[in-house]
C-alpha atoms as a PDB file:
ATOM      1  CA  MET A   1     -25.066  73.448 -32.722  1.00  0.00           C
ATOM      2  CA  THR A   2     -21.744  71.910 -31.030  1.00  0.00           C
ATOM      3  CA  ASP A   3     -21.946  68.664 -28.684  1.00  0.00           C
ATOM      4  CA  VAL A   4     -20.794  69.639 -25.122  1.00  0.00           C
ATOM      5  CA  THR A   5     -19.352  66.944 -22.657  1.00  0.00           C
ATOM      6  CA  ASP A   6     -18.837  66.648 -18.842  1.00  0.00           C
ATOM      7  CA  ALA A   7     -15.066  67.304 -20.246  1.00  0.00           C
ATOM      8  CA  ASP A   8     -15.343  70.642 -21.876  1.00  0.00           C
ATOM      9  CA  PHE A   9     -18.392  72.008 -20.047  1.00  0.00           C
ATOM     10  CA  ALA A  10     -16.473  74.560 -18.403  1.00  0.00           C
ATOM     11  CA  ALA A  11     -14.595  75.758 -21.593  1.00  0.00           C
ATOM     12  CA  GLU A  12     -18.038  76.045 -23.519  1.00  0.00           C
ATOM     13  CA  VAL A  13     -20.322  76.902 -21.376  1.00  0.00           C
ATOM     14  CA  ILE A  14     -18.970  78.854 -18.347  1.00  0.00           C
ATOM     15  CA  GLY A  15     -16.251  80.217 -19.721  1.00  0.00           C
ATOM     16  CA  ALA A  16     -18.094  81.200 -23.348  1.00  0.00           C
ATOM     17  CA  GLU A  17     -18.472  84.656 -24.470  1.00  0.00           C
ATOM     18  CA  LEU A  18     -21.914  84.746 -25.514  1.00  0.00           C
ATOM     19  CA  PRO A  19     -24.938  83.987 -23.595  1.00  0.00           C
ATOM     20  CA  VAL A  20     -25.154  79.915 -24.067  1.00  0.00           C
ATOM     21  CA  LEU A  21     -28.415  77.862 -24.593  1.00  0.00           C
ATOM     22  CA  LEU A  22     -27.798  74.701 -23.524  1.00  0.00           C
ATOM     23  CA  GLU A  23     -30.106  71.582 -24.172  1.00  0.00           C
ATOM     24  CA  PHE A  24     -29.985  68.545 -22.007  1.00  0.00           C
ATOM     25  CA  THR A  25     -31.018  65.765 -24.533  1.00  0.00           C
ATOM     26  CA  ALA A  26     -31.137  61.947 -24.960  1.00  0.00           C
ATOM     27  CA  ASP A  27     -30.594  59.599 -28.151  1.00  0.00           C
ATOM     28  CA  TRP A  28     -33.976  57.952 -26.506  1.00  0.00           C
ATOM     29  CA  CYS A  29     -36.085  61.221 -26.264  1.00  0.00           C
ATOM     30  CA  PRO A  30     -38.417  62.013 -29.228  1.00  0.00           C
ATOM     31  CA  PRO A  31     -39.125  65.225 -28.059  1.00  0.00           C
ATOM     32  CA  CYS A  32     -35.531  66.301 -28.189  1.00  0.00           C
ATOM     33  CA  ARG A  33     -35.284  64.767 -31.794  1.00  0.00           C
ATOM     34  CA  GLN A  34     -38.370  66.866 -32.420  1.00  0.00           C
ATOM     35  CA  MET A  35     -36.311  69.740 -31.103  1.00  0.00           C
ATOM     36  CA  ALA A  36     -32.932  69.075 -33.241  1.00  0.00           C
ATOM     37  CA  PRO A  37     -34.058  71.224 -36.255  1.00  0.00           C
ATOM     38  CA  VAL A  38     -35.473  74.256 -34.122  1.00  0.00           C
ATOM     39  CA  LEU A  39     -32.018  74.480 -32.245  1.00  0.00           C
ATOM     40  CA  LYS A  40     -29.932  74.073 -35.824  1.00  0.00           C
ATOM     41  CA  ALA A  41     -32.361  77.029 -36.938  1.00  0.00           C
ATOM     42  CA  LEU A  42     -31.889  79.077 -34.255  1.00  0.00           C
ATOM     43  CA  ALA A  43     -28.228  78.361 -33.845  1.00  0.00           C
ATOM     44  CA  PHE A  44     -27.756  79.400 -37.594  1.00  0.00           C
ATOM     45  CA  GLU A  45     -30.033  82.717 -37.278  1.00  0.00           C
ATOM     46  CA  GLU A  46     -28.914  83.894 -33.585  1.00  0.00           C
ATOM     47  CA  GLY A  47     -25.094  82.850 -33.561  1.00  0.00           C
ATOM     48  CA  ASP A  48     -24.212  86.268 -33.110  1.00  0.00           C
ATOM     49  CA  ARG A  49     -25.849  86.638 -29.956  1.00  0.00           C
ATOM     50  CA  LEU A  50     -26.460  83.208 -28.723  1.00  0.00           C
ATOM     51  CA  LYS A  51     -24.613  80.094 -28.823  1.00  0.00           C
ATOM     52  CA  VAL A  52     -26.717  76.549 -29.066  1.00  0.00           C
ATOM     53  CA  VAL A  53     -25.172  73.608 -27.506  1.00  0.00           C
ATOM     54  CA  GLN A  54     -26.265  70.065 -26.441  1.00  0.00           C
ATOM     55  CA  LEU A  55     -25.438  67.679 -23.844  1.00  0.00           C
ATOM     56  CA  ASP A  56     -26.318  63.963 -23.661  1.00  0.00           C
ATOM     57  CA  VAL A  57     -27.345  63.135 -20.461  1.00  0.00           C
ATOM     58  CA  ASP A  58     -26.665  59.463 -20.482  1.00  0.00           C
ATOM     59  CA  SER A  59     -23.114  60.285 -21.477  1.00  0.00           C
ATOM     60  CA  ASN A  60     -22.381  63.221 -19.558  1.00  0.00           C
ATOM     61  CA  PRO A  61     -23.826  61.932 -15.915  1.00  0.00           C
ATOM     62  CA  GLU A  62     -21.647  64.904 -13.901  1.00  0.00           C
ATOM     63  CA  THR A  63     -22.883  67.764 -15.336  1.00  0.00           C
ATOM     64  CA  THR A  64     -26.685  66.406 -15.772  1.00  0.00           C
ATOM     65  CA  ASN A  65     -26.364  65.749 -11.960  1.00  0.00           C
ATOM     66  CA  ALA A  66     -24.725  68.993 -11.005  1.00  0.00           C
ATOM     67  CA  TYR A  67     -27.694  70.741 -12.561  1.00  0.00           C
ATOM     68  CA  LYS A  68     -29.978  68.139 -11.200  1.00  0.00           C
ATOM     69  CA  VAL A  69     -31.758  67.618 -14.713  1.00  0.00           C
ATOM     70  CA  LEU A  70     -34.648  65.254 -14.397  1.00  0.00           C
ATOM     71  CA  SER A  71     -36.713  65.507 -17.673  1.00  0.00           C
ATOM     72  CA  MET A  72     -35.471  65.726 -21.296  1.00  0.00           C
ATOM     73  CA  PRO A  73     -35.466  67.860 -22.715  1.00  0.00           C
ATOM     74  CA  THR A  74     -34.562  70.705 -20.412  1.00  0.00           C
ATOM     75  CA  PHE A  75     -32.958  74.063 -21.861  1.00  0.00           C
ATOM     76  CA  MET A  76     -30.749  76.010 -19.487  1.00  0.00           C
ATOM     77  CA  VAL A  77     -29.611  79.747 -20.530  1.00  0.00           C
ATOM     78  CA  PHE A  78     -26.121  80.320 -18.907  1.00  0.00           C
ATOM     79  CA  ARG A  79     -24.626  84.086 -19.073  1.00  0.00           C
ATOM     80  CA  GLY A  80     -21.367  85.228 -17.503  1.00  0.00           C
ATOM     81  CA  GLY A  81     -20.684  81.459 -16.626  1.00  0.00           C
ATOM     82  CA  GLU A  82     -24.160  81.502 -14.691  1.00  0.00           C
ATOM     83  CA  PRO A  83     -27.583  79.566 -15.234  1.00  0.00           C
ATOM     84  CA  VAL A  84     -29.841  82.631 -15.594  1.00  0.00           C
ATOM     85  CA  LYS A  85     -33.125  80.441 -17.216  1.00  0.00           C
ATOM     86  CA  SER A  86     -34.118  76.983 -17.259  1.00  0.00           C
ATOM     87  CA  MET A  87     -37.383  75.714 -19.299  1.00  0.00           C
ATOM     88  CA  VAL A  88     -38.417  71.946 -19.888  1.00  0.00           C
ATOM     89  CA  GLY A  89     -39.719  70.495 -22.557  1.00  0.00           C
ATOM     90  CA  ALA A  90     -40.377  70.853 -26.380  1.00  0.00           C
ATOM     91  CA  ARG A  91     -41.600  74.048 -27.911  1.00  0.00           C
ATOM     92  CA  ALA A  92     -41.904  75.886 -31.275  1.00  0.00           C
ATOM     93  CA  LYS A  93     -39.095  77.906 -32.624  1.00  0.00           C
ATOM     94  CA  ARG A  94     -41.097  81.315 -32.127  1.00  0.00           C
ATOM     95  CA  ARG A  95     -41.989  80.557 -28.559  1.00  0.00           C
ATOM     96  CA  LEU A  96     -38.566  79.641 -27.611  1.00  0.00           C
ATOM     97  CA  LEU A  97     -37.527  82.855 -29.266  1.00  0.00           C
ATOM     98  CA  GLU A  98     -40.385  84.641 -27.324  1.00  0.00           C
ATOM     99  CA  GLU A  99     -38.703  82.906 -23.849  1.00  0.00           C
ATOM    100  CA  LEU A 100     -35.135  83.765 -24.608  1.00  0.00           C
ATOM    101  CA  ALA A 101     -36.190  87.277 -25.249  1.00  0.00           C
ATOM    102  CA  ASP A 102     -35.090  88.549 -21.880  1.00  0.00           C
ATOM    103  CA  VAL A 103     -31.715  86.613 -21.491  1.00  0.00           C
ATOM    104  CA  LEU A 104     -30.448  87.590 -25.328  1.00  0.00           C
END
């Protein structure tokens, strides 16, 4: 799983060849910490079909504000440089995979 910033967001997410699952996260967010092992496993298992990245909202306000993210964790799926799906809140890996099925 890769960390992205305001500076490399365009290259890492908008310009990505694969669909990208982006987690807007924060150090102070317990559900975000809960999602870390789920996202690592997802990145490992689905790495050939999906790029998994995270963005710290406190360090990267430009991107956070541009996508009007207010709650953590917020997940956005980008395909072809455009956000195609948004989900808020922690969830089990099985449920996350089910919700991603239509964009993979």
